[in-house]
Amino acid sequence: MSSFLKSFIDPSKNFLARMHMRAISTRLRRYGLRYDDLYDQYYSMDIKEAMNRLPREVVDARNQRLKRAMDLSMKHEYLPKDLQAVQTPFRGYLQEMLALVERERLEREALGALPLYQRTIP
């Protein structure tokens, strides 16, 4: 990625990127979500494999946050302000594992090996 593009999307260097990050942070805090919770495991097999490799406690915490967010959304409510203040929406837990899974998949493709998992239509 070019340095111009990196500086364009970097919140510390670009005012609009900083505003966008602040808006996303506010919306995630309202429901108690993290940015990595927005990844859908049915969208990509890499995401599904990364989710399978995470520790059980991390997956359970993610599922609990998603259930709480759906419940609050159905009730047209937000988390109380004191709970919103302690939320950490950009504290990631999935990015490292997802990068590892993608690197493994690309390496297998480069070596000509069969895919570790096959995509199936539900």
PDB file of N, CA and C in Angstrom:
ATOM      1  N   MET A   1       0.854  -1.162   0.000  1.00  0.00           N
ATOM      2  CA  MET A   1       0.000   0.000   0.000  1.00  0.00           C
ATOM      3  C   MET A   1       0.905   1.232   0.000  1.00  0.00           C
ATOM      4  N   SER A   2       0.558   2.180  -0.786  1.00  0.00           N
ATOM      5  CA  SER A   2       1.396   3.376  -0.896  1.00  0.00           C
ATOM      6  C   SER A   2       1.334   4.209   0.389  1.00  0.00           C
ATOM      7  N   SER A   3       2.364   5.005   0.581  1.00  0.00           N
ATOM      8  CA  SER A   3       2.423   5.822   1.790  1.00  0.00           C
ATOM      9  C   SER A   3       1.322   6.881   1.805  1.00  0.00           C
ATOM     10  N   PHE A   4       0.936   7.362   0.614  1.00  0.00           N
ATOM     11  CA  PHE A   4      -0.152   8.342   0.553  1.00  0.00           C
ATOM     12  C   PHE A   4      -1.453   7.724   1.044  1.00  0.00           C
ATOM     13  N   LEU A   5      -1.737   6.499   0.599  1.00  0.00           N
ATOM     14  CA  LEU A   5      -2.963   5.841   1.004  1.00  0.00           C
ATOM     15  C   LEU A   5      -2.935   5.519   2.497  1.00  0.00           C
ATOM     16  N   LYS A   6      -1.774   5.094   2.989  1.00  0.00           N
ATOM     17  CA  LYS A   6      -1.659   4.816   4.425  1.00  0.00           C
ATOM     18  C   LYS A   6      -1.909   6.073   5.248  1.00  0.00           C
ATOM     19  N   SER A   7      -1.360   7.190   4.809  1.00  0.00           N
ATOM     20  CA  SER A   7      -1.580   8.429   5.550  1.00  0.00           C
ATOM     21  C   SER A   7      -3.021   8.909   5.416  1.00  0.00           C
ATOM     22  N   PHE A   8      -3.668   8.554   4.322  1.00  0.00           N
ATOM     23  CA  PHE A   8      -5.055   8.965   4.103  1.00  0.00           C
ATOM     24  C   PHE A   8      -6.013   8.244   5.044  1.00  0.00           C
ATOM     25  N   ILE A   9      -5.737   6.964   5.353  1.00  0.00           N
ATOM     26  CA  ILE A   9      -6.648   6.206   6.214  1.00  0.00           C
ATOM     27  C   ILE A   9      -6.187   6.155   7.669  1.00  0.00           C
ATOM     28  N   ASP A  10      -5.042   6.731   7.968  1.00  0.00           N
ATOM     29  CA  ASP A  10      -4.527   6.751   9.333  1.00  0.00           C
ATOM     30  C   ASP A  10      -5.241   7.833  10.140  1.00  0.00           C
ATOM     31  N   PRO A  11      -5.970   7.446  11.221  1.00  0.00           N
ATOM     32  CA  PRO A  11      -6.702   8.442  12.011  1.00  0.00           C
ATOM     33  C   PRO A  11      -5.818   9.488  12.675  1.00  0.00           C
ATOM     34  N   SER A  12      -4.554   9.155  12.929  1.00  0.00           N
ATOM     35  CA  SER A  12      -3.689  10.136  13.579  1.00  0.00           C
ATOM     36  C   SER A  12      -3.227  11.226  12.620  1.00  0.00           C
ATOM     37  N   LYS A  13      -3.351  10.978  11.303  1.00  0.00           N
ATOM     38  CA  LYS A  13      -2.889  11.949  10.318  1.00  0.00           C
ATOM     39  C   LYS A  13      -4.017  12.614   9.523  1.00  0.00           C
ATOM     40  N   ASN A  14      -5.173  11.976   9.485  1.00  0.00           N
ATOM     41  CA  ASN A  14      -6.264  12.496   8.673  1.00  0.00           C
ATOM     42  C   ASN A  14      -7.465  12.826   9.559  1.00  0.00           C
ATOM     43  N   PHE A  15      -7.959  14.032   9.434  1.00  0.00           N
ATOM     44  CA  PHE A  15      -9.086  14.488  10.246  1.00  0.00           C
ATOM     45  C   PHE A  15     -10.353  13.689   9.954  1.00  0.00           C
ATOM     46  N   LEU A  16     -10.629  13.411   8.679  1.00  0.00           N
ATOM     47  CA  LEU A  16     -11.846  12.672   8.333  1.00  0.00           C
ATOM     48  C   LEU A  16     -11.793  11.230   8.829  1.00  0.00           C
ATOM     49  N   ALA A  17     -10.633  10.616   8.750  1.00  0.00           N
ATOM     50  CA  ALA A  17     -10.491   9.259   9.278  1.00  0.00           C
ATOM     51  C   ALA A  17     -10.689   9.253  10.794  1.00  0.00           C
ATOM     52  N   ARG A  18     -10.197  10.289  11.464  1.00  0.00           N
ATOM     53  CA  ARG A  18     -10.376  10.405  12.912  1.00  0.00           C
ATOM     54  C   ARG A  18     -11.853  10.580  13.264  1.00  0.00           C
ATOM     55  N   MET A  19     -12.564  11.394  12.491  1.00  0.00           N
ATOM     56  CA  MET A  19     -14.008  11.575  12.726  1.00  0.00           C
ATOM     57  C   MET A  19     -14.761  10.263  12.505  1.00  0.00           C
ATOM     58  N   HIS A  20     -14.388   9.543  11.453  1.00  0.00           N
ATOM     59  CA  HIS A  20     -15.043   8.267  11.159  1.00  0.00           C
ATOM     60  C   HIS A  20     -14.782   7.256  12.283  1.00  0.00           C
ATOM     61  N   MET A  21     -13.564   7.198  12.757  1.00  0.00           N
ATOM     62  CA  MET A  21     -13.224   6.274  13.837  1.00  0.00           C
ATOM     63  C   MET A  21     -13.979   6.621  15.114  1.00  0.00           C
ATOM     64  N   ARG A  22     -14.116   7.900  15.397  1.00  0.00           N
ATOM     65  CA  ARG A  22     -14.859   8.341  16.577  1.00  0.00           C
ATOM     66  C   ARG A  22     -16.344   7.973  16.460  1.00  0.00           C
ATOM     67  N   ALA A  23     -16.911   8.123  15.257  1.00  0.00           N
ATOM     68  CA  ALA A  23     -18.319   7.776  15.053  1.00  0.00           C
ATOM     69  C   ALA A  23     -18.541   6.270  15.205  1.00  0.00           C
ATOM     70  N   ILE A  24     -17.632   5.476  14.648  1.00  0.00           N
ATOM     71  CA  ILE A  24     -17.742   4.022  14.779  1.00  0.00           C
ATOM     72  C   ILE A  24     -17.593   3.619  16.246  1.00  0.00           C
ATOM     73  N   SER A  25     -16.667   4.242  16.942  1.00  0.00           N
ATOM     74  CA  SER A  25     -16.454   3.947  18.351  1.00  0.00           C
ATOM     75  C   SER A  25     -17.705   4.243  19.170  1.00  0.00           C
ATOM     76  N   THR A  26     -18.339   5.361  18.903  1.00  0.00           N
ATOM     77  CA  THR A  26     -19.559   5.726  19.630  1.00  0.00           C
ATOM     78  C   THR A  26     -20.667   4.714  19.390  1.00  0.00           C
ATOM     79  N   ARG A  27     -20.831   4.305  18.145  1.00  0.00           N
ATOM     80  CA  ARG A  27     -21.889   3.340  17.824  1.00  0.00           C
ATOM     81  C   ARG A  27     -21.621   1.974  18.436  1.00  0.00           C
ATOM     82  N   LEU A  28     -20.375   1.548  18.445  1.00  0.00           N
ATOM     83  CA  LEU A  28     -20.052   0.253  19.051  1.00  0.00           C
ATOM     84  C   LEU A  28     -20.207   0.296  20.561  1.00  0.00           C
ATOM     85  N   ARG A  29     -19.828   1.410  21.192  1.00  0.00           N
ATOM     86  CA  ARG A  29     -19.956   1.539  22.650  1.00  0.00           C
ATOM     87  C   ARG A  29     -21.419   1.502  23.081  1.00  0.00           C
ATOM     88  N   ARG A  30     -22.299   2.053  22.282  1.00  0.00           N
ATOM     89  CA  ARG A  30     -23.718   2.076  22.651  1.00  0.00           C
ATOM     90  C   ARG A  30     -24.273   0.676  22.879  1.00  0.00           C
ATOM     91  N   TYR A  31     -23.760  -0.287  22.124  1.00  0.00           N
ATOM     92  CA  TYR A  31     -24.254  -1.653  22.241  1.00  0.00           C
ATOM     93  C   TYR A  31     -23.263  -2.592  22.931  1.00  0.00           C
ATOM     94  N   GLY A  32     -22.097  -2.085  23.299  1.00  0.00           N
ATOM     95  CA  GLY A  32     -21.119  -2.910  23.990  1.00  0.00           C
ATOM     96  C   GLY A  32     -20.382  -3.872  23.079  1.00  0.00           C
ATOM     97  N   LEU A  33     -20.191  -3.502  21.826  1.00  0.00           N
ATOM     98  CA  LEU A  33     -19.528  -4.370  20.866  1.00  0.00           C
ATOM     99  C   LEU A  33     -18.079  -3.960  20.642  1.00  0.00           C
ATOM    100  N   ARG A  34     -17.324  -4.862  20.068  1.00  0.00           N
ATOM    101  CA  ARG A  34     -15.979  -4.572  19.594  1.00  0.00           C
ATOM    102  C   ARG A  34     -15.994  -4.646  18.076  1.00  0.00           C
ATOM    103  N   TYR A  35     -15.009  -4.017  17.464  1.00  0.00           N
ATOM    104  CA  TYR A  35     -14.965  -3.974  16.001  1.00  0.00           C
ATOM    105  C   TYR A  35     -14.847  -5.382  15.418  1.00  0.00           C
ATOM    106  N   ASP A  36     -14.099  -6.259  16.063  1.00  0.00           N
ATOM    107  CA  ASP A  36     -13.947  -7.626  15.563  1.00  0.00           C
ATOM    108  C   ASP A  36     -15.236  -8.437  15.671  1.00  0.00           C
ATOM    109  N   ASP A  37     -16.180  -7.995  16.493  1.00  0.00           N
ATOM    110  CA  ASP A  37     -17.469  -8.683  16.580  1.00  0.00           C
ATOM    111  C   ASP A  37     -18.274  -8.542  15.293  1.00  0.00           C
ATOM    112  N   LEU A  38     -17.942  -7.575  14.463  1.00  0.00           N
ATOM    113  CA  LEU A  38     -18.697  -7.329  13.234  1.00  0.00           C
ATOM    114  C   LEU A  38     -18.348  -8.305  12.119  1.00  0.00           C
ATOM    115  N   TYR A  39     -17.260  -9.056  12.269  1.00  0.00           N
ATOM    116  CA  TYR A  39     -16.907 -10.049  11.260  1.00  0.00           C
ATOM    117  C   TYR A  39     -17.917 -11.192  11.299  1.00  0.00           C
ATOM    118  N   ASP A  40     -18.417 -11.575  10.124  1.00  0.00           N
ATOM    119  CA  ASP A  40     -19.406 -12.639  10.015  1.00  0.00           C
ATOM    120  C   ASP A  40     -18.705 -13.925   9.600  1.00  0.00           C
ATOM    121  N   GLN A  41     -18.841 -14.973  10.405  1.00  0.00           N
ATOM    122  CA  GLN A  41     -18.161 -16.222  10.105  1.00  0.00           C
ATOM    123  C   GLN A  41     -18.757 -16.944   8.905  1.00  0.00           C
ATOM    124  N   TYR A  42     -19.922 -16.533   8.439  1.00  0.00           N
ATOM    125  CA  TYR A  42     -20.505 -17.133   7.242  1.00  0.00           C
ATOM    126  C   TYR A  42     -20.084 -16.407   5.973  1.00  0.00           C
ATOM    127  N   TYR A  43     -19.412 -15.282   6.120  1.00  0.00           N
ATOM    128  CA  TYR A  43     -18.963 -14.509   4.971  1.00  0.00           C
ATOM    129  C   TYR A  43     -17.732 -15.127   4.329  1.00  0.00           C
ATOM    130  N   SER A  44     -16.822 -15.609   5.153  1.00  0.00           N
ATOM    131  CA  SER A  44     -15.558 -16.138   4.649  1.00  0.00           C
ATOM    132  C   SER A  44     -15.177 -17.378   5.444  1.00  0.00           C
ATOM    133  N   MET A  45     -14.633 -18.358   4.753  1.00  0.00           N
ATOM    134  CA  MET A  45     -14.176 -19.565   5.431  1.00  0.00           C
ATOM    135  C   MET A  45     -12.937 -19.271   6.286  1.00  0.00           C
ATOM    136  N   ASP A  46     -12.163 -18.245   5.904  1.00  0.00           N
ATOM    137  CA  ASP A  46     -11.008 -17.858   6.709  1.00  0.00           C
ATOM    138  C   ASP A  46     -11.449 -17.346   8.078  1.00  0.00           C
ATOM    139  N   ILE A  47     -12.506 -16.561   8.097  1.00  0.00           N
ATOM    140  CA  ILE A  47     -13.021 -16.042   9.366  1.00  0.00           C
ATOM    141  C   ILE A  47     -13.556 -17.179  10.223  1.00  0.00           C
ATOM    142  N   LYS A  48     -14.245 -18.108   9.584  1.00  0.00           N
ATOM    143  CA  LYS A  48     -14.771 -19.253  10.328  1.00  0.00           C
ATOM    144  C   LYS A  48     -13.642 -20.083  10.928  1.00  0.00           C
ATOM    145  N   GLU A  49     -12.591 -20.323  10.152  1.00  0.00           N
ATOM    146  CA  GLU A  49     -11.450 -21.088  10.658  1.00  0.00           C
ATOM    147  C   GLU A  49     -10.745 -20.338  11.788  1.00  0.00           C
ATOM    148  N   ALA A  50     -10.605 -19.018  11.656  1.00  0.00           N
ATOM    149  CA  ALA A  50      -9.982 -18.226  12.720  1.00  0.00           C
ATOM    150  C   ALA A  50     -10.827 -18.280  13.993  1.00  0.00           C
ATOM    151  N   MET A  51     -12.141 -18.238  13.853  1.00  0.00           N
ATOM    152  CA  MET A  51     -13.025 -18.337  15.023  1.00  0.00           C
ATOM    153  C   MET A  51     -12.891 -19.695  15.694  1.00  0.00           C
ATOM    154  N   ASN A  52     -12.730 -20.751  14.895  1.00  0.00           N
ATOM    155  CA  ASN A  52     -12.570 -22.092  15.466  1.00  0.00           C
ATOM    156  C   ASN A  52     -11.265 -22.228  16.240  1.00  0.00           C
ATOM    157  N   ARG A  53     -10.250 -21.475  15.871  1.00  0.00           N
ATOM    158  CA  ARG A  53      -8.945 -21.566  16.529  1.00  0.00           C
ATOM    159  C   ARG A  53      -8.846 -20.712  17.791  1.00  0.00           C
ATOM    160  N   LEU A  54      -9.769 -19.793  17.979  1.00  0.00           N
ATOM    161  CA  LEU A  54      -9.733 -18.936  19.172  1.00  0.00           C
ATOM    162  C   LEU A  54     -10.073 -19.747  20.418  1.00  0.00           C
ATOM    163  N   PRO A  55      -9.583 -19.318  21.590  1.00  0.00           N
ATOM    164  CA  PRO A  55      -9.962 -20.004  22.837  1.00  0.00           C
ATOM    165  C   PRO A  55     -11.466 -19.898  23.086  1.00  0.00           C
ATOM    166  N   ARG A  56     -11.997 -20.874  23.759  1.00  0.00           N
ATOM    167  CA  ARG A  56     -13.444 -20.959  24.006  1.00  0.00           C
ATOM    168  C   ARG A  56     -13.959 -19.731  24.769  1.00  0.00           C
ATOM    169  N   GLU A  57     -13.168 -19.216  25.712  1.00  0.00           N
ATOM    170  CA  GLU A  57     -13.612 -18.063  26.510  1.00  0.00           C
ATOM    171  C   GLU A  57     -13.803 -16.823  25.633  1.00  0.00           C
ATOM    172  N   VAL A  58     -12.924 -16.653  24.653  1.00  0.00           N
ATOM    173  CA  VAL A  58     -13.005 -15.499  23.757  1.00  0.00           C
ATOM    174  C   VAL A  58     -14.252 -15.595  22.885  1.00  0.00           C
ATOM    175  N   VAL A  59     -14.529 -16.792  22.376  1.00  0.00           N
ATOM    176  CA  VAL A  59     -15.716 -16.994  21.536  1.00  0.00           C
ATOM    177  C   VAL A  59     -16.993 -16.817  22.358  1.00  0.00           C
ATOM    178  N   ASP A  60     -16.982 -17.317  23.586  1.00  0.00           N
ATOM    179  CA  ASP A  60     -18.157 -17.151  24.457  1.00  0.00           C
ATOM    180  C   ASP A  60     -18.411 -15.686  24.779  1.00  0.00           C
ATOM    181  N   ALA A  61     -17.342 -14.929  25.047  1.00  0.00           N
ATOM    182  CA  ALA A  61     -17.489 -13.502  25.332  1.00  0.00           C
ATOM    183  C   ALA A  61     -18.042 -12.775  24.094  1.00  0.00           C
ATOM    184  N   ARG A  62     -17.573 -13.152  22.914  1.00  0.00           N
ATOM    185  CA  ARG A  62     -18.071 -12.549  21.663  1.00  0.00           C
ATOM    186  C   ARG A  62     -19.558 -12.831  21.494  1.00  0.00           C
ATOM    187  N   ASN A  63     -19.947 -14.091  21.695  1.00  0.00           N
ATOM    188  CA  ASN A  63     -21.357 -14.449  21.551  1.00  0.00           C
ATOM    189  C   ASN A  63     -22.221 -13.712  22.562  1.00  0.00           C
ATOM    190  N   GLN A  64     -21.721 -13.538  23.770  1.00  0.00           N
ATOM    191  CA  GLN A  64     -22.469 -12.805  24.795  1.00  0.00           C
ATOM    192  C   GLN A  64     -22.639 -11.338  24.405  1.00  0.00           C
ATOM    193  N   ARG A  65     -21.572 -10.723  23.868  1.00  0.00           N
ATOM    194  CA  ARG A  65     -21.686  -9.326  23.423  1.00  0.00           C
ATOM    195  C   ARG A  65     -22.694  -9.193  22.287  1.00  0.00           C
ATOM    196  N   LEU A  66     -22.674 -10.141  21.351  1.00  0.00           N
ATOM    197  CA  LEU A  66     -23.617 -10.086  20.235  1.00  0.00           C
ATOM    198  C   LEU A  66     -25.066 -10.265  20.702  1.00  0.00           C
ATOM    199  N   LYS A  67     -25.280 -11.181  21.633  1.00  0.00           N
ATOM    200  CA  LYS A  67     -26.635 -11.384  22.165  1.00  0.00           C
ATOM    201  C   LYS A  67     -27.131 -10.139  22.895  1.00  0.00           C
ATOM    202  N   ARG A  68     -26.244  -9.536  23.692  1.00  0.00           N
ATOM    203  CA  ARG A  68     -26.622  -8.322  24.411  1.00  0.00           C
ATOM    204  C   ARG A  68     -26.951  -7.202  23.438  1.00  0.00           C
ATOM    205  N   ALA A  69     -26.157  -7.079  22.372  1.00  0.00           N
ATOM    206  CA  ALA A  69     -26.393  -6.027  21.380  1.00  0.00           C
ATOM    207  C   ALA A  69     -27.721  -6.248  20.661  1.00  0.00           C
ATOM    208  N   MET A  70     -28.017  -7.486  20.308  1.00  0.00           N
ATOM    209  CA  MET A  70     -29.305  -7.763  19.648  1.00  0.00           C
ATOM    210  C   MET A  70     -30.471  -7.480  20.580  1.00  0.00           C
ATOM    211  N   ASP A  71     -30.318  -7.842  21.856  1.00  0.00           N
ATOM    212  CA  ASP A  71     -31.374  -7.581  22.828  1.00  0.00           C
ATOM    213  C   ASP A  71     -31.615  -6.082  22.991  1.00  0.00           C
ATOM    214  N   LEU A  72     -30.533  -5.309  23.124  1.00  0.00           N
ATOM    215  CA  LEU A  72     -30.669  -3.855  23.257  1.00  0.00           C
ATOM    216  C   LEU A  72     -31.276  -3.243  22.000  1.00  0.00           C
ATOM    217  N   SER A  73     -30.896  -3.749  20.851  1.00  0.00           N
ATOM    218  CA  SER A  73     -31.422  -3.223  19.599  1.00  0.00           C
ATOM    219  C   SER A  73     -32.920  -3.498  19.480  1.00  0.00           C
ATOM    220  N   MET A  74     -33.341  -4.694  19.863  1.00  0.00           N
ATOM    221  CA  MET A  74     -34.766  -5.027  19.793  1.00  0.00           C
ATOM    222  C   MET A  74     -35.589  -4.178  20.758  1.00  0.00           C
ATOM    223  N   LYS A  75     -35.001  -3.799  21.879  1.00  0.00           N
ATOM    224  CA  LYS A  75     -35.690  -2.972  22.866  1.00  0.00           C
ATOM    225  C   LYS A  75     -35.573  -1.486  22.564  1.00  0.00           C
ATOM    226  N   HIS A  76     -34.813  -1.128  21.518  1.00  0.00           N
ATOM    227  CA  HIS A  76     -34.558   0.278  21.157  1.00  0.00           C
ATOM    228  C   HIS A  76     -33.939   1.034  22.324  1.00  0.00           C
ATOM    229  N   GLU A  77     -32.958   0.392  22.954  1.00  0.00           N
ATOM    230  CA  GLU A  77     -32.244   0.982  24.081  1.00  0.00           C
ATOM    231  C   GLU A  77     -30.746   0.925  23.821  1.00  0.00           C
ATOM    232  N   TYR A  78     -29.981   1.623  24.659  1.00  0.00           N
ATOM    233  CA  TYR A  78     -28.527   1.574  24.626  1.00  0.00           C
ATOM    234  C   TYR A  78     -28.030   1.116  25.988  1.00  0.00           C
ATOM    235  N   LEU A  79     -26.758   0.765  26.057  1.00  0.00           N
ATOM    236  CA  LEU A  79     -26.146   0.464  27.348  1.00  0.00           C
ATOM    237  C   LEU A  79     -26.187   1.706  28.227  1.00  0.00           C
ATOM    238  N   PRO A  80     -26.235   1.532  29.543  1.00  0.00           N
ATOM    239  CA  PRO A  80     -26.134   2.702  30.427  1.00  0.00           C
ATOM    240  C   PRO A  80     -24.809   3.416  30.209  1.00  0.00           C
ATOM    241  N   LYS A  81     -24.803   4.709  30.460  1.00  0.00           N
ATOM    242  CA  LYS A  81     -23.613   5.544  30.212  1.00  0.00           C
ATOM    243  C   LYS A  81     -22.379   5.042  30.963  1.00  0.00           C
ATOM    244  N   ASP A  82     -22.558   4.543  32.196  1.00  0.00           N
ATOM    245  CA  ASP A  82     -21.391   4.072  32.946  1.00  0.00           C
ATOM    246  C   ASP A  82     -20.779   2.831  32.312  1.00  0.00           C
ATOM    247  N   LEU A  83     -21.592   1.956  31.708  1.00  0.00           N
ATOM    248  CA  LEU A  83     -21.050   0.793  31.009  1.00  0.00           C
ATOM    249  C   LEU A  83     -20.461   1.173  29.653  1.00  0.00           C
ATOM    250  N   GLN A  84     -21.030   2.175  29.015  1.00  0.00           N
ATOM    251  CA  GLN A  84     -20.473   2.635  27.741  1.00  0.00           C
ATOM    252  C   GLN A  84     -19.069   3.200  27.938  1.00  0.00           C
ATOM    253  N   ALA A  85     -18.835   3.810  29.075  1.00  0.00           N
ATOM    254  CA  ALA A  85     -17.536   4.442  29.328  1.00  0.00           C
ATOM    255  C   ALA A  85     -16.407   3.421  29.461  1.00  0.00           C
ATOM    256  N   VAL A  86     -16.722   2.197  29.881  1.00  0.00           N
ATOM    257  CA  VAL A  86     -15.667   1.200  30.092  1.00  0.00           C
ATOM    258  C   VAL A  86     -15.477   0.266  28.893  1.00  0.00           C
ATOM    259  N   GLN A  87     -16.246   0.459  27.834  1.00  0.00           N
ATOM    260  CA  GLN A  87     -16.129  -0.400  26.645  1.00  0.00           C
ATOM    261  C   GLN A  87     -14.850  -0.080  25.873  1.00  0.00           C
ATOM    262  N   THR A  88     -14.285  -1.100  25.250  1.00  0.00           N
ATOM    263  CA  THR A  88     -13.068  -0.949  24.439  1.00  0.00           C
ATOM    264  C   THR A  88     -13.351  -1.465  23.029  1.00  0.00           C
ATOM    265  N   PRO A  89     -13.945  -0.634  22.167  1.00  0.00           N
ATOM    266  CA  PRO A  89     -14.397  -1.134  20.870  1.00  0.00           C
ATOM    267  C   PRO A  89     -13.291  -1.513  19.898  1.00  0.00           C
ATOM    268  N   PHE A  90     -12.096  -0.972  20.038  1.00  0.00           N
ATOM    269  CA  PHE A  90     -11.041  -1.282  19.071  1.00  0.00           C
ATOM    270  C   PHE A  90      -9.970  -2.193  19.657  1.00  0.00           C
ATOM    271  N   ARG A  91     -10.279  -2.862  20.741  1.00  0.00           N
ATOM    272  CA  ARG A  91      -9.369  -3.868  21.296  1.00  0.00           C
ATOM    273  C   ARG A  91      -9.645  -5.184  20.574  1.00  0.00           C
ATOM    274  N   GLY A  92      -8.747  -5.553  19.699  1.00  0.00           N
ATOM    275  CA  GLY A  92      -8.979  -6.692  18.823  1.00  0.00           C
ATOM    276  C   GLY A  92      -8.630  -8.025  19.448  1.00  0.00           C
ATOM    277  N   TYR A  93      -9.272  -9.056  18.954  1.00  0.00           N
ATOM    278  CA  TYR A  93      -8.974 -10.416  19.372  1.00  0.00           C
ATOM    279  C   TYR A  93      -8.928 -11.366  18.182  1.00  0.00           C
ATOM    280  N   LEU A  94      -9.370 -10.925  17.018  1.00  0.00           N
ATOM    281  CA  LEU A  94      -9.490 -11.812  15.868  1.00  0.00           C
ATOM    282  C   LEU A  94      -8.467 -11.522  14.772  1.00  0.00           C
ATOM    283  N   GLN A  95      -7.933 -10.319  14.710  1.00  0.00           N
ATOM    284  CA  GLN A  95      -7.076  -9.908  13.600  1.00  0.00           C
ATOM    285  C   GLN A  95      -5.825 -10.769  13.460  1.00  0.00           C
ATOM    286  N   GLU A  96      -5.154 -11.070  14.565  1.00  0.00           N
ATOM    287  CA  GLU A  96      -3.919 -11.851  14.487  1.00  0.00           C
ATOM    288  C   GLU A  96      -4.185 -13.254  13.975  1.00  0.00           C
ATOM    289  N   MET A  97      -5.231 -13.887  14.506  1.00  0.00           N
ATOM    290  CA  MET A  97      -5.559 -15.250  14.078  1.00  0.00           C
ATOM    291  C   MET A  97      -6.028 -15.261  12.630  1.00  0.00           C
ATOM    292  N   LEU A  98      -6.775 -14.249  12.224  1.00  0.00           N
ATOM    293  CA  LEU A  98      -7.242 -14.158  10.847  1.00  0.00           C
ATOM    294  C   LEU A  98      -6.073 -13.976   9.883  1.00  0.00           C
ATOM    295  N   ALA A  99      -5.109 -13.167  10.265  1.00  0.00           N
ATOM    296  CA  ALA A  99      -3.922 -12.990   9.425  1.00  0.00           C
ATOM    297  C   ALA A  99      -3.146 -14.299   9.302  1.00  0.00           C
ATOM    298  N   LEU A 100      -3.046 -15.056  10.385  1.00  0.00           N
ATOM    299  CA  LEU A 100      -2.355 -16.344  10.352  1.00  0.00           C
ATOM    300  C   LEU A 100      -3.064 -17.325   9.430  1.00  0.00           C
ATOM    301  N   VAL A 101      -4.381 -17.402   9.525  1.00  0.00           N
ATOM    302  CA  VAL A 101      -5.159 -18.309   8.681  1.00  0.00           C
ATOM    303  C   VAL A 101      -5.025 -17.921   7.209  1.00  0.00           C
ATOM    304  N   GLU A 102      -5.075 -16.630   6.916  1.00  0.00           N
ATOM    305  CA  GLU A 102      -4.931 -16.188   5.527  1.00  0.00           C
ATOM    306  C   GLU A 102      -3.541 -16.495   4.979  1.00  0.00           C
ATOM    307  N   ARG A 103      -2.506 -16.298   5.806  1.00  0.00           N
ATOM    308  CA  ARG A 103      -1.144 -16.639   5.372  1.00  0.00           C
ATOM    309  C   ARG A 103      -1.013 -18.131   5.089  1.00  0.00           C
ATOM    310  N   GLU A 104      -1.604 -18.968   5.950  1.00  0.00           N
ATOM    311  CA  GLU A 104      -1.558 -20.417   5.742  1.00  0.00           C
ATOM    312  C   GLU A 104      -2.271 -20.813   4.455  1.00  0.00           C
ATOM    313  N   ARG A 105      -3.438 -20.186   4.203  1.00  0.00           N
ATOM    314  CA  ARG A 105      -4.187 -20.502   2.990  1.00  0.00           C
ATOM    315  C   ARG A 105      -3.401 -20.104   1.749  1.00  0.00           C
ATOM    316  N   LEU A 106      -2.798 -18.921   1.775  1.00  0.00           N
ATOM    317  CA  LEU A 106      -1.999 -18.469   0.628  1.00  0.00           C
ATOM    318  C   LEU A 106      -0.775 -19.353   0.414  1.00  0.00           C
ATOM    319  N   GLU A 107      -0.180 -19.806   1.493  1.00  0.00           N
ATOM    320  CA  GLU A 107       0.976 -20.696   1.370  1.00  0.00           C
ATOM    321  C   GLU A 107       0.565 -22.032   0.757  1.00  0.00           C
ATOM    322  N   ARG A 108      -0.579 -22.564   1.185  1.00  0.00           N
ATOM    323  CA  ARG A 108      -1.058 -23.825   0.615  1.00  0.00           C
ATOM    324  C   ARG A 108      -1.372 -23.665  -0.864  1.00  0.00           C
ATOM    325  N   GLU A 109      -1.972 -22.521  -1.236  1.00  0.00           N
ATOM    326  CA  GLU A 109      -2.263 -22.276  -2.650  1.00  0.00           C
ATOM    327  C   GLU A 109      -0.976 -22.156  -3.467  1.00  0.00           C
ATOM    328  N   ALA A 110       0.036 -21.506  -2.899  1.00  0.00           N
ATOM    329  CA  ALA A 110       1.308 -21.348  -3.612  1.00  0.00           C
ATOM    330  C   ALA A 110       2.006 -22.690  -3.806  1.00  0.00           C
ATOM    331  N   LEU A 111       1.849 -23.599  -2.848  1.00  0.00           N
ATOM    332  CA  LEU A 111       2.481 -24.908  -2.956  1.00  0.00           C
ATOM    333  C   LEU A 111       1.656 -25.890  -3.791  1.00  0.00           C
ATOM    334  N   GLY A 112       0.454 -25.497  -4.146  1.00  0.00           N
ATOM    335  CA  GLY A 112      -0.404 -26.354  -4.961  1.00  0.00           C
ATOM    336  C   GLY A 112      -1.125 -27.426  -4.173  1.00  0.00           C
ATOM    337  N   ALA A 113      -1.196 -27.280  -2.873  1.00  0.00           N
ATOM    338  CA  ALA A 113      -1.889 -28.255  -2.033  1.00  0.00           C
ATOM    339  C   ALA A 113      -3.389 -28.016  -2.091  1.00  0.00           C
ATOM    340  N   LEU A 114      -4.131 -29.034  -1.726  1.00  0.00           N
ATOM    341  CA  LEU A 114      -5.584 -28.901  -1.671  1.00  0.00           C
ATOM    342  C   LEU A 114      -5.970 -27.972  -0.533  1.00  0.00           C
ATOM    343  N   PRO A 115      -7.079 -27.271  -0.670  1.00  0.00           N
ATOM    344  CA  PRO A 115      -7.521 -26.385   0.417  1.00  0.00           C
ATOM    345  C   PRO A 115      -7.801 -27.177   1.690  1.00  0.00           C
ATOM    346  N   LEU A 116      -7.521 -26.541   2.821  1.00  0.00           N
ATOM    347  CA  LEU A 116      -7.754 -27.189   4.112  1.00  0.00           C
ATOM    348  C   LEU A 116      -9.235 -27.389   4.360  1.00  0.00           C
ATOM    349  N   TYR A 117     -10.030 -26.518   3.816  1.00  0.00           N
ATOM    350  CA  TYR A 117     -11.478 -26.594   3.981  1.00  0.00           C
ATOM    351  C   TYR A 117     -12.129 -26.246   2.653  1.00  0.00           C
ATOM    352  N   GLN A 118     -13.267 -26.799   2.416  1.00  0.00           N
ATOM    353  CA  GLN A 118     -13.999 -26.541   1.176  1.00  0.00           C
ATOM    354  C   GLN A 118     -15.237 -25.730   1.507  1.00  0.00           C
ATOM    355  N   ARG A 119     -15.569 -24.806   0.634  1.00  0.00           N
ATOM    356  CA  ARG A 119     -16.774 -23.989   0.816  1.00  0.00           C
ATOM    357  C   ARG A 119     -17.976 -24.803   0.387  1.00  0.00           C
ATOM    358  N   THR A 120     -18.983 -24.874   1.244  1.00  0.00           N
ATOM    359  CA  THR A 120     -20.202 -25.598   0.924  1.00  0.00           C
ATOM    360  C   THR A 120     -21.370 -24.641   0.959  1.00  0.00           C
ATOM    361  N   ILE A 121     -22.345 -24.884   0.139  1.00  0.00           N
ATOM    362  CA  ILE A 121     -23.550 -24.055   0.112  1.00  0.00           C
ATOM    363  C   ILE A 121     -24.531 -24.649   1.113  1.00  0.00           C
ATOM    364  N   PRO A 122     -24.978 -23.850   2.095  1.00  0.00           N
ATOM    365  CA  PRO A 122     -25.905 -24.388   3.102  1.00  0.00           C
ATOM    366  C   PRO A 122     -27.276 -24.671   2.549  1.00  0.00           C
TER     367      PRO A 122
END
